[in-house]
C-alpha cells in the first residue's frame, strides 16, 4: 500500500548561496511511503498523512541544508525512523529557478 503526499509546501532556509539561506524560500516535497495494508477502516491502522507532513516540516525547520540531496536524505531517514514504514521515497523540489521550472533531489529508503 502506497501513501502519498505531493507538493507539500514548506518554507525553508536551504540553498548554496548565503542569500537563499538568509531569506529562505518555499520548497515542494513529494513523499510516497509504503505501509502494510490496513486491516480495518481506522486511522490507527495506517500512517496518518498529517504525521508525514509534520515530520517533513520538523526536519526542514531543524537546520539549514546547503544541498537538496542532504535535505531529502534527512527527511527520508526521519520518516523511516519515526513511522512504521516499509519504504520511503522523498523528492525535494525548489521551484522558480531562473533557468528551469524547478530543480530537485530524490532519495529512496528500503
PDB file of N, CA and C in Angstrom:
ATOM      1  N   UNK A   1       0.862  -1.167   0.000  1.00  0.00           N
ATOM      2  CA  UNK A   1       0.000   0.000   0.000  1.00  0.00           C
ATOM      3  C   UNK A   1       0.907   1.227   0.000  1.00  0.00           C
ATOM      4  N   UNK A   2       0.632   2.156  -0.908  1.00  0.00           N
ATOM      5  CA  UNK A   2       1.408   3.396  -1.009  1.00  0.00           C
ATOM      6  C   UNK A   2       0.555   4.559  -0.503  1.00  0.00           C
ATOM      7  N   UNK A   3       1.120   5.319   0.416  1.00  0.00           N
ATOM      8  CA  UNK A   3       0.503   6.546   0.928  1.00  0.00           C
ATOM      9  C   UNK A   3       1.294   7.706   0.328  1.00  0.00           C
ATOM     10  N   UNK A   4       0.588   8.692  -0.220  1.00  0.00           N
ATOM     11  CA  UNK A   4       1.251   9.775  -0.951  1.00  0.00           C
ATOM     12  C   UNK A   4       0.864  11.153  -0.438  1.00  0.00           C
ATOM     13  N   UNK A   5       1.857  12.016  -0.379  1.00  0.00           N
ATOM     14  CA  UNK A   5       1.661  13.439  -0.110  1.00  0.00           C
ATOM     15  C   UNK A   5       2.507  14.161  -1.157  1.00  0.00           C
ATOM     16  N   UNK A   6       1.847  14.920  -2.048  1.00  0.00           N
ATOM     17  CA  UNK A   6       2.572  15.577  -3.133  1.00  0.00           C
ATOM     18  C   UNK A   6       2.437  17.090  -3.050  1.00  0.00           C
ATOM     19  N   UNK A   7       3.528  17.757  -3.420  1.00  0.00           N
ATOM     20  CA  UNK A   7       3.596  19.220  -3.485  1.00  0.00           C
ATOM     21  C   UNK A   7       3.308  19.867  -2.131  1.00  0.00           C
ATOM     22  N   UNK A   8       3.825  19.239  -1.072  1.00  0.00           N
ATOM     23  CA  UNK A   8       3.722  19.830   0.260  1.00  0.00           C
ATOM     24  C   UNK A   8       4.636  21.049   0.308  1.00  0.00           C
ATOM     25  N   UNK A   9       4.055  22.222   0.508  1.00  0.00           N
ATOM     26  CA  UNK A   9       4.832  23.461   0.548  1.00  0.00           C
ATOM     27  C   UNK A   9       5.391  23.681   1.943  1.00  0.00           C
ATOM     28  N   UNK A  10       6.726  23.833   1.997  1.00  0.00           N
ATOM     29  CA  UNK A  10       7.409  24.072   3.270  1.00  0.00           C
ATOM     30  C   UNK A  10       8.412  25.194   3.054  1.00  0.00           C
ATOM     31  N   UNK A  11       8.329  26.221   3.879  1.00  0.00           N
ATOM     32  CA  UNK A  11       9.294  27.306   3.817  1.00  0.00           C
ATOM     33  C   UNK A  11      10.561  26.847   4.523  1.00  0.00           C
ATOM     34  N   UNK A  12      11.699  27.072   3.878  1.00  0.00           N
ATOM     35  CA  UNK A  12      12.962  26.669   4.486  1.00  0.00           C
ATOM     36  C   UNK A  12      14.096  27.591   4.105  1.00  0.00           C
ATOM     37  N   UNK A  13      15.147  27.488   4.865  1.00  0.00           N
ATOM     38  CA  UNK A  13      16.340  28.317   4.632  1.00  0.00           C
ATOM     39  C   UNK A  13      17.477  27.421   4.147  1.00  0.00           C
ATOM     40  N   UNK A  14      17.301  26.898   2.950  1.00  0.00           N
ATOM     41  CA  UNK A  14      18.244  25.960   2.374  1.00  0.00           C
ATOM     42  C   UNK A  14      18.737  26.497   1.035  1.00  0.00           C
ATOM     43  N   UNK A  15      19.963  26.161   0.693  1.00  0.00           N
ATOM     44  CA  UNK A  15      20.496  26.531  -0.606  1.00  0.00           C
ATOM     45  C   UNK A  15      21.990  26.756  -0.567  1.00  0.00           C
ATOM     46  N   UNK A  16      22.563  26.877  -1.731  1.00  0.00           N
ATOM     47  CA  UNK A  16      24.005  27.057  -1.864  1.00  0.00           C
ATOM     48  C   UNK A  16      24.414  28.477  -1.483  1.00  0.00           C
ATOM     49  N   UNK A  17      23.636  29.449  -1.920  1.00  0.00           N
ATOM     50  CA  UNK A  17      24.031  30.843  -1.681  1.00  0.00           C
ATOM     51  C   UNK A  17      23.602  31.311  -0.287  1.00  0.00           C
ATOM     52  N   UNK A  18      24.364  32.258   0.210  1.00  0.00           N
ATOM     53  CA  UNK A  18      24.059  32.842   1.519  1.00  0.00           C
ATOM     54  C   UNK A  18      22.680  33.507   1.510  1.00  0.00           C
ATOM     55  N   UNK A  19      22.331  34.157   0.406  1.00  0.00           N
ATOM     56  CA  UNK A  19      21.038  34.842   0.335  1.00  0.00           C
ATOM     57  C   UNK A  19      19.877  33.845   0.376  1.00  0.00           C
ATOM     58  N   UNK A  20      20.032  32.674  -0.235  1.00  0.00           N
ATOM     59  CA  UNK A  20      18.982  31.650  -0.168  1.00  0.00           C
ATOM     60  C   UNK A  20      18.761  31.207   1.276  1.00  0.00           C
ATOM     61  N   UNK A  21      19.849  31.001   1.994  1.00  0.00           N
ATOM     62  CA  UNK A  21      19.741  30.555   3.384  1.00  0.00           C
ATOM     63  C   UNK A  21      19.250  31.671   4.287  1.00  0.00           C
ATOM     64  N   UNK A  22      19.648  32.907   4.010  1.00  0.00           N
ATOM     65  CA  UNK A  22      19.231  34.044   4.833  1.00  0.00           C
ATOM     66  C   UNK A  22      17.748  34.373   4.619  1.00  0.00           C
ATOM     67  N   UNK A  23      17.337  34.480   3.351  1.00  0.00           N
ATOM     68  CA  UNK A  23      15.984  34.930   3.032  1.00  0.00           C
ATOM     69  C   UNK A  23      14.968  33.799   3.039  1.00  0.00           C
ATOM     70  N   UNK A  24      15.412  32.596   2.766  1.00  0.00           N
ATOM     71  CA  UNK A  24      14.511  31.458   2.723  1.00  0.00           C
ATOM     72  C   UNK A  24      13.676  31.442   1.457  1.00  0.00           C
ATOM     73  N   UNK A  25      12.991  30.326   1.264  1.00  0.00           N
ATOM     74  CA  UNK A  25      12.154  30.151   0.086  1.00  0.00           C
ATOM     75  C   UNK A  25      11.245  28.942   0.308  1.00  0.00           C
ATOM     76  N   UNK A  26      10.282  28.781  -0.556  1.00  0.00           N
ATOM     77  CA  UNK A  26       9.368  27.650  -0.462  1.00  0.00           C
ATOM     78  C   UNK A  26       9.924  26.464  -1.238  1.00  0.00           C
ATOM     79  N   UNK A  27       9.889  25.301  -0.593  1.00  0.00           N
ATOM     80  CA  UNK A  27      10.285  24.048  -1.211  1.00  0.00           C
ATOM     81  C   UNK A  27       9.047  23.168  -1.320  1.00  0.00           C
ATOM     82  N   UNK A  28       9.020  22.312  -2.324  1.00  0.00           N
ATOM     83  CA  UNK A  28       7.917  21.382  -2.512  1.00  0.00           C
ATOM     84  C   UNK A  28       8.427  19.969  -2.257  1.00  0.00           C
ATOM     85  N   UNK A  29       7.732  19.247  -1.390  1.00  0.00           N
ATOM     86  CA  UNK A  29       8.103  17.875  -1.053  1.00  0.00           C
ATOM     87  C   UNK A  29       7.056  16.925  -1.614  1.00  0.00           C
ATOM     88  N   UNK A  30       7.534  15.913  -2.316  1.00  0.00           N
ATOM     89  CA  UNK A  30       6.693  14.823  -2.803  1.00  0.00           C
ATOM     90  C   UNK A  30       7.134  13.579  -2.044  1.00  0.00           C
ATOM     91  N   UNK A  31       6.223  13.018  -1.270  1.00  0.00           N
ATOM     92  CA  UNK A  31       6.559  11.887  -0.407  1.00  0.00           C
ATOM     93  C   UNK A  31       5.636  10.721  -0.726  1.00  0.00           C
ATOM     94  N   UNK A  32       6.234   9.573  -0.933  1.00  0.00           N
ATOM     95  CA  UNK A  32       5.488   8.321  -1.091  1.00  0.00           C
ATOM     96  C   UNK A  32       6.073   7.339  -0.092  1.00  0.00           C
ATOM     97  N   UNK A  33       5.215   6.772   0.739  1.00  0.00           N
ATOM     98  CA  UNK A  33       5.680   5.788   1.710  1.00  0.00           C
ATOM     99  C   UNK A  33       4.884   4.499   1.532  1.00  0.00           C
ATOM    100  N   UNK A  34       5.570   3.398   1.695  1.00  0.00           N
ATOM    101  CA  UNK A  34       4.906   2.097   1.607  1.00  0.00           C
ATOM    102  C   UNK A  34       4.611   1.616   3.018  1.00  0.00           C
ATOM    103  N   UNK A  35       3.364   1.215   3.218  1.00  0.00           N
ATOM    104  CA  UNK A  35       2.911   0.725   4.520  1.00  0.00           C
ATOM    105  C   UNK A  35       2.178  -0.595   4.323  1.00  0.00           C
ATOM    106  N   UNK A  36       1.978  -1.308   5.414  1.00  0.00           N
ATOM    107  CA  UNK A  36       1.156  -2.507   5.344  1.00  0.00           C
ATOM    108  C   UNK A  36      -0.284  -2.105   5.033  1.00  0.00           C
ATOM    109  N   UNK A  37      -0.984  -2.942   4.328  1.00  0.00           N
ATOM    110  CA  UNK A  37      -2.389  -2.686   4.037  1.00  0.00           C
ATOM    111  C   UNK A  37      -3.162  -2.656   5.347  1.00  0.00           C
ATOM    112  N   UNK A  38      -4.002  -1.643   5.558  1.00  0.00           N
ATOM    113  CA  UNK A  38      -4.740  -1.557   6.819  1.00  0.00           C
ATOM    114  C   UNK A  38      -5.704  -2.733   6.985  1.00  0.00           C
ATOM    115  N   UNK A  39      -5.762  -3.236   8.182  1.00  0.00           N
ATOM    116  CA  UNK A  39      -6.645  -4.363   8.481  1.00  0.00           C
ATOM    117  C   UNK A  39      -8.061  -3.922   8.835  1.00  0.00           C
ATOM    118  N   UNK A  40      -8.207  -2.639   9.185  1.00  0.00           N
ATOM    119  CA  UNK A  40      -9.549  -2.108   9.428  1.00  0.00           C
ATOM    120  C   UNK A  40      -9.611  -0.665   8.936  1.00  0.00           C
ATOM    121  N   UNK A  41     -10.779  -0.076   8.983  1.00  0.00           N
ATOM    122  CA  UNK A  41     -11.020   1.265   8.466  1.00  0.00           C
ATOM    123  C   UNK A  41     -10.837   2.287   9.583  1.00  0.00           C
ATOM    124  N   UNK A  42      -9.597   2.415  10.053  1.00  0.00           N
ATOM    125  CA  UNK A  42      -9.272   3.298  11.171  1.00  0.00           C
ATOM    126  C   UNK A  42      -7.951   3.985  10.890  1.00  0.00           C
ATOM    127  N   UNK A  43      -7.827   5.240  11.274  1.00  0.00           N
ATOM    128  CA  UNK A  43      -6.572   5.975  11.069  1.00  0.00           C
ATOM    129  C   UNK A  43      -5.423   5.301  11.806  1.00  0.00           C
ATOM    130  N   UNK A  44      -5.730   4.597  12.885  1.00  0.00           N
ATOM    131  CA  UNK A  44      -4.692   3.892  13.638  1.00  0.00           C
ATOM    132  C   UNK A  44      -4.161   2.669  12.886  1.00  0.00           C
ATOM    133  N   UNK A  45      -4.825   2.276  11.824  1.00  0.00           N
ATOM    134  CA  UNK A  45      -4.422   1.096  11.061  1.00  0.00           C
ATOM    135  C   UNK A  45      -3.450   1.431   9.932  1.00  0.00           C
ATOM    136  N   UNK A  46      -3.090   2.703   9.813  1.00  0.00           N
ATOM    137  CA  UNK A  46      -2.202   3.131   8.724  1.00  0.00           C
ATOM    138  C   UNK A  46      -1.330   4.283   9.213  1.00  0.00           C
ATOM    139  N   UNK A  47      -0.672   4.943   8.289  1.00  0.00           N
ATOM    140  CA  UNK A  47       0.128   6.120   8.615  1.00  0.00           C
ATOM    141  C   UNK A  47      -0.715   7.355   8.340  1.00  0.00           C
ATOM    142  N   UNK A  48      -0.811   8.197   9.323  1.00  0.00           N
ATOM    143  CA  UNK A  48      -1.579   9.432   9.205  1.00  0.00           C
ATOM    144  C   UNK A  48      -0.818  10.409   8.300  1.00  0.00           C
ATOM    145  N   UNK A  49      -1.472  10.926   7.273  1.00  0.00           N
ATOM    146  CA  UNK A  49      -0.845  11.880   6.367  1.00  0.00           C
ATOM    147  C   UNK A  49      -0.310  13.084   7.127  1.00  0.00           C
ATOM    148  N   UNK A  50      -0.999  13.469   8.186  1.00  0.00           N
ATOM    149  CA  UNK A  50      -0.558  14.618   8.986  1.00  0.00           C
ATOM    150  C   UNK A  50       0.771  14.351   9.677  1.00  0.00           C
ATOM    151  N   UNK A  51       1.017  13.111  10.054  1.00  0.00           N
ATOM    152  CA  UNK A  51       2.303  12.758  10.674  1.00  0.00           C
ATOM    153  C   UNK A  51       3.431  12.896   9.653  1.00  0.00           C
ATOM    154  N   UNK A  52       3.161  12.500   8.414  1.00  0.00           N
ATOM    155  CA  UNK A  52       4.148  12.669   7.340  1.00  0.00           C
ATOM    156  C   UNK A  52       4.434  14.158   7.161  1.00  0.00           C
ATOM    157  N   UNK A  53       3.386  14.953   7.031  1.00  0.00           N
ATOM    158  CA  UNK A  53       3.534  16.409   6.880  1.00  0.00           C
ATOM    159  C   UNK A  53       4.344  16.998   8.012  1.00  0.00           C
ATOM    160  N   UNK A  54       4.010  16.642   9.233  1.00  0.00           N
ATOM    161  CA  UNK A  54       4.680  17.220  10.399  1.00  0.00           C
ATOM    162  C   UNK A  54       6.157  16.855  10.456  1.00  0.00           C
ATOM    163  N   UNK A  55       6.489  15.627  10.103  1.00  0.00           N
ATOM    164  CA  UNK A  55       7.899  15.216  10.105  1.00  0.00           C
ATOM    165  C   UNK A  55       8.702  15.964   9.044  1.00  0.00           C
ATOM    166  N   UNK A  56       8.127  16.140   7.864  1.00  0.00           N
ATOM    167  CA  UNK A  56       8.813  16.900   6.814  1.00  0.00           C
ATOM    168  C   UNK A  56       9.100  18.311   7.315  1.00  0.00           C
ATOM    169  N   UNK A  57       8.126  18.952   7.898  1.00  0.00           N
ATOM    170  CA  UNK A  57       8.309  20.317   8.416  1.00  0.00           C
ATOM    171  C   UNK A  57       9.344  20.360   9.533  1.00  0.00           C
ATOM    172  N   UNK A  58       9.304  19.395  10.432  1.00  0.00           N
ATOM    173  CA  UNK A  58      10.263  19.362  11.540  1.00  0.00           C
ATOM    174  C   UNK A  58      11.694  19.256  11.031  1.00  0.00           C
ATOM    175  N   UNK A  59      11.920  18.371  10.086  1.00  0.00           N
ATOM    176  CA  UNK A  59      13.273  18.196   9.546  1.00  0.00           C
ATOM    177  C   UNK A  59      13.733  19.473   8.848  1.00  0.00           C
ATOM    178  N   UNK A  60      12.871  20.073   8.047  1.00  0.00           N
ATOM    179  CA  UNK A  60      13.237  21.295   7.333  1.00  0.00           C
ATOM    180  C   UNK A  60      13.525  22.442   8.300  1.00  0.00           C
ATOM    181  N   UNK A  61      12.748  22.538   9.366  1.00  0.00           N
ATOM    182  CA  UNK A  61      12.916  23.613  10.339  1.00  0.00           C
ATOM    183  C   UNK A  61      14.105  23.409  11.273  1.00  0.00           C
ATOM    184  N   UNK A  62      14.559  22.169  11.418  1.00  0.00           N
ATOM    185  CA  UNK A  62      15.575  21.849  12.422  1.00  0.00           C
ATOM    186  C   UNK A  62      16.943  22.441  12.110  1.00  0.00           C
ATOM    187  N   UNK A  63      17.264  22.569  10.827  1.00  0.00           N
ATOM    188  CA  UNK A  63      18.576  23.110  10.455  1.00  0.00           C
ATOM    189  C   UNK A  63      18.550  23.579   9.012  1.00  0.00           C
ATOM    190  N   UNK A  64      19.636  24.202   8.608  1.00  0.00           N
ATOM    191  CA  UNK A  64      19.809  24.675   7.238  1.00  0.00           C
ATOM    192  C   UNK A  64      20.637  23.665   6.457  1.00  0.00           C
ATOM    193  N   UNK A  65      20.215  23.392   5.231  1.00  0.00           N
ATOM    194  CA  UNK A  65      20.951  22.490   4.349  1.00  0.00           C
ATOM    195  C   UNK A  65      21.440  23.261   3.129  1.00  0.00           C
ATOM    196  N   UNK A  66      22.662  23.014   2.738  1.00  0.00           N
ATOM    197  CA  UNK A  66      23.197  23.589   1.505  1.00  0.00           C
ATOM    198  C   UNK A  66      22.662  22.802   0.319  1.00  0.00           C
ATOM    199  N   UNK A  67      22.647  21.479   0.437  1.00  0.00           N
ATOM    200  CA  UNK A  67      22.257  20.609  -0.663  1.00  0.00           C
ATOM    201  C   UNK A  67      20.840  20.062  -0.499  1.00  0.00           C
ATOM    202  N   UNK A  68      20.060  20.117  -1.562  1.00  0.00           N
ATOM    203  CA  UNK A  68      18.745  19.479  -1.562  1.00  0.00           C
ATOM    204  C   UNK A  68      18.889  17.980  -1.321  1.00  0.00           C
ATOM    205  N   UNK A  69      19.967  17.410  -1.797  1.00  0.00           N
ATOM    206  CA  UNK A  69      20.215  15.982  -1.621  1.00  0.00           C
ATOM    207  C   UNK A  69      20.249  15.599  -0.144  1.00  0.00           C
ATOM    208  N   UNK A  70      20.954  16.406   0.649  1.00  0.00           N
ATOM    209  CA  UNK A  70      21.063  16.125   2.087  1.00  0.00           C
ATOM    210  C   UNK A  70      19.731  16.355   2.804  1.00  0.00           C
ATOM    211  N   UNK A  71      18.969  17.338   2.371  1.00  0.00           N
ATOM    212  CA  UNK A  71      17.644  17.576   2.933  1.00  0.00           C
ATOM    213  C   UNK A  71      16.725  16.394   2.638  1.00  0.00           C
ATOM    214  N   UNK A  72      16.745  15.889   1.422  1.00  0.00           N
ATOM    215  CA  UNK A  72      15.917  14.735   1.059  1.00  0.00           C
ATOM    216  C   UNK A  72      16.291  13.515   1.893  1.00  0.00           C
ATOM    217  N   UNK A  73      17.584  13.274   2.071  1.00  0.00           N
ATOM    218  CA  UNK A  73      18.050  12.145   2.885  1.00  0.00           C
ATOM    219  C   UNK A  73      17.581  12.290   4.333  1.00  0.00           C
ATOM    220  N   UNK A  74      17.703  13.487   4.880  1.00  0.00           N
ATOM    221  CA  UNK A  74      17.292  13.711   6.268  1.00  0.00           C
ATOM    222  C   UNK A  74      15.804  13.449   6.458  1.00  0.00           C
ATOM    223  N   UNK A  75      14.987  13.884   5.506  1.00  0.00           N
ATOM    224  CA  UNK A  75      13.541  13.645   5.591  1.00  0.00           C
ATOM    225  C   UNK A  75      13.242  12.153   5.491  1.00  0.00           C
ATOM    226  N   UNK A  76      13.828  11.478   4.512  1.00  0.00           N
ATOM    227  CA  UNK A  76      13.578  10.044   4.346  1.00  0.00           C
ATOM    228  C   UNK A  76      14.005   9.258   5.582  1.00  0.00           C
ATOM    229  N   UNK A  77      15.157   9.593   6.135  1.00  0.00           N
ATOM    230  CA  UNK A  77      15.640   8.890   7.331  1.00  0.00           C
ATOM    231  C   UNK A  77      14.722   9.128   8.527  1.00  0.00           C
ATOM    232  N   UNK A  78      14.228  10.347   8.680  1.00  0.00           N
ATOM    233  CA  UNK A  78      13.312  10.648   9.787  1.00  0.00           C
ATOM    234  C   UNK A  78      11.993   9.901   9.625  1.00  0.00           C
ATOM    235  N   UNK A  79      11.481   9.843   8.417  1.00  0.00           N
ATOM    236  CA  UNK A  79      10.235   9.109   8.171  1.00  0.00           C
ATOM    237  C   UNK A  79      10.404   7.633   8.520  1.00  0.00           C
ATOM    238  N   UNK A  80      11.510   7.045   8.073  1.00  0.00           N
ATOM    239  CA  UNK A  80      11.751   5.624   8.341  1.00  0.00           C
ATOM    240  C   UNK A  80      11.944   5.360   9.838  1.00  0.00           C
ATOM    241  N   UNK A  81      12.568   6.287  10.531  1.00  0.00           N
ATOM    242  CA  UNK A  81      12.844   6.107  11.959  1.00  0.00           C
ATOM    243  C   UNK A  81      11.603   6.294  12.826  1.00  0.00           C
ATOM    244  N   UNK A  82      10.726   7.208  12.417  1.00  0.00           N
ATOM    245  CA  UNK A  82       9.617   7.601  13.297  1.00  0.00           C
ATOM    246  C   UNK A  82       8.268   6.977  12.960  1.00  0.00           C
ATOM    247  N   UNK A  83       8.126   6.419  11.768  1.00  0.00           N
ATOM    248  CA  UNK A  83       6.832   5.877  11.356  1.00  0.00           C
ATOM    249  C   UNK A  83       6.993   4.408  10.955  1.00  0.00           C
ATOM    250  N   UNK A  84       5.923   3.621  11.079  1.00  0.00           N
ATOM    251  CA  UNK A  84       6.002   2.199  10.705  1.00  0.00           C
ATOM    252  C   UNK A  84       5.895   2.012   9.184  1.00  0.00           C
ATOM    253  N   UNK A  85       7.022   2.176   8.507  1.00  0.00           N
ATOM    254  CA  UNK A  85       7.051   2.150   7.047  1.00  0.00           C
ATOM    255  C   UNK A  85       7.862   0.978   6.533  1.00  0.00           C
ATOM    256  N   UNK A  86       7.500   0.521   5.342  1.00  0.00           N
ATOM    257  CA  UNK A  86       8.322  -0.462   4.623  1.00  0.00           C
ATOM    258  C   UNK A  86       9.382   0.254   3.794  1.00  0.00           C
ATOM    259  N   UNK A  87       9.019   1.418   3.245  1.00  0.00           N
ATOM    260  CA  UNK A  87       9.959   2.202   2.450  1.00  0.00           C
ATOM    261  C   UNK A  87       9.479   3.645   2.361  1.00  0.00           C
ATOM    262  N   UNK A  88      10.391   4.503   1.939  1.00  0.00           N
ATOM    263  CA  UNK A  88      10.067   5.916   1.752  1.00  0.00           C
ATOM    264  C   UNK A  88      10.747   6.421   0.488  1.00  0.00           C
ATOM    265  N   UNK A  89      10.019   7.235  -0.254  1.00  0.00           N
ATOM    266  CA  UNK A  89      10.510   7.864  -1.483  1.00  0.00           C
ATOM    267  C   UNK A  89      10.254   9.361  -1.293  1.00  0.00           C
ATOM    268  N   UNK A  90      11.323  10.156  -1.264  1.00  0.00           N
ATOM    269  CA  UNK A  90      11.191  11.591  -0.979  1.00  0.00           C
ATOM    270  C   UNK A  90      11.854  12.386  -2.089  1.00  0.00           C
ATOM    271  N   UNK A  91      11.097  13.314  -2.671  1.00  0.00           N
ATOM    272  CA  UNK A  91      11.642  14.273  -3.635  1.00  0.00           C
ATOM    273  C   UNK A  91      11.478  15.669  -3.037  1.00  0.00           C
ATOM    274  N   UNK A  92      12.561  16.435  -3.071  1.00  0.00           N
ATOM    275  CA  UNK A  92      12.525  17.844  -2.671  1.00  0.00           C
ATOM    276  C   UNK A  92      12.718  18.659  -3.942  1.00  0.00           C
ATOM    277  N   UNK A  93      11.774  19.579  -4.177  1.00  0.00           N
ATOM    278  CA  UNK A  93      11.859  20.425  -5.373  1.00  0.00           C
ATOM    279  C   UNK A  93      12.000  21.883  -4.961  1.00  0.00           C
ATOM    280  N   UNK A  94      12.844  22.584  -5.688  1.00  0.00           N
ATOM    281  CA  UNK A  94      12.992  24.025  -5.498  1.00  0.00           C
ATOM    282  C   UNK A  94      12.435  24.696  -6.756  1.00  0.00           C
ATOM    283  N   UNK A  95      11.225  25.265  -6.667  1.00  0.00           N
ATOM    284  CA  UNK A  95      10.616  25.889  -7.848  1.00  0.00           C
ATOM    285  C   UNK A  95      11.181  27.288  -8.097  1.00  0.00           C
ATOM    286  N   UNK A  96      10.898  27.783  -9.286  1.00  0.00           N
ATOM    287  CA  UNK A  96      11.225  29.173  -9.586  1.00  0.00           C
ATOM    288  C   UNK A  96      12.685  29.441  -9.882  1.00  0.00           C
ATOM    289  N   UNK A  97      13.417  28.413 -10.263  1.00  0.00           N
ATOM    290  CA  UNK A  97      14.804  28.612 -10.661  1.00  0.00           C
ATOM    291  C   UNK A  97      14.797  29.377 -11.983  1.00  0.00           C
ATOM    292  N   UNK A  98      15.694  30.334 -12.156  1.00  0.00           N
ATOM    293  CA  UNK A  98      15.657  31.201 -13.340  1.00  0.00           C
ATOM    294  C   UNK A  98      15.832  30.448 -14.658  1.00  0.00           C
ATOM    295  N   UNK A  99      16.494  29.310 -14.643  1.00  0.00           N
ATOM    296  CA  UNK A  99      16.787  28.598 -15.882  1.00  0.00           C
ATOM    297  C   UNK A  99      16.052  27.269 -16.006  1.00  0.00           C
ATOM    298  N   UNK A 100      15.150  26.978 -15.038  1.00  0.00           N
ATOM    299  CA  UNK A 100      14.359  25.739 -15.107  1.00  0.00           C
ATOM    300  C   UNK A 100      13.079  25.927 -14.301  1.00  0.00           C
ATOM    301  N   UNK A 101      12.075  25.126 -14.597  1.00  0.00           N
ATOM    302  CA  UNK A 101      10.830  25.186 -13.821  1.00  0.00           C
ATOM    303  C   UNK A 101      11.096  24.863 -12.357  1.00  0.00           C
ATOM    304  N   UNK A 102      11.921  23.847 -12.112  1.00  0.00           N
ATOM    305  CA  UNK A 102      12.333  23.504 -10.759  1.00  0.00           C
ATOM    306  C   UNK A 102      13.567  22.621 -10.822  1.00  0.00           C
ATOM    307  N   UNK A 103      14.290  22.592  -9.722  1.00  0.00           N
ATOM    308  CA  UNK A 103      15.369  21.640  -9.541  1.00  0.00           C
ATOM    309  C   UNK A 103      14.995  20.768  -8.357  1.00  0.00           C
ATOM    310  N   UNK A 104      15.625  19.615  -8.223  1.00  0.00           N
ATOM    311  CA  UNK A 104      15.244  18.753  -7.125  1.00  0.00           C
ATOM    312  C   UNK A 104      16.216  17.622  -6.893  1.00  0.00           C
ATOM    313  N   UNK A 105      15.940  16.906  -5.830  1.00  0.00           N
ATOM    314  CA  UNK A 105      16.698  15.711  -5.482  1.00  0.00           C
ATOM    315  C   UNK A 105      15.734  14.686  -4.934  1.00  0.00           C
ATOM    316  N   UNK A 106      15.989  13.426  -5.240  1.00  0.00           N
ATOM    317  CA  UNK A 106      15.106  12.338  -4.828  1.00  0.00           C
ATOM    318  C   UNK A 106      15.929  11.239  -4.177  1.00  0.00           C
ATOM    319  N   UNK A 107      15.379  10.667  -3.093  1.00  0.00           N
ATOM    320  CA  UNK A 107      16.039   9.572  -2.410  1.00  0.00           C
ATOM    321  C   UNK A 107      15.000   8.519  -2.053  1.00  0.00           C
ATOM    322  N   UNK A 108      15.443   7.275  -2.009  1.00  0.00           N
ATOM    323  CA  UNK A 108      14.581   6.169  -1.589  1.00  0.00           C
ATOM    324  C   UNK A 108      15.255   5.424  -0.462  1.00  0.00           C
ATOM    325  N   UNK A 109      14.440   5.002   0.479  1.00  0.00           N
ATOM    326  CA  UNK A 109      14.917   4.179   1.592  1.00  0.00           C
ATOM    327  C   UNK A 109      14.073   2.908   1.638  1.00  0.00           C
ATOM    328  N   UNK A 110      14.764   1.746   1.729  1.00  0.00           N
ATOM    329  CA  UNK A 110      14.011   0.476   1.797  1.00  0.00           C
ATOM    330  C   UNK A 110      13.298   0.321   3.132  1.00  0.00           C
TER     331      UNK A 110
END
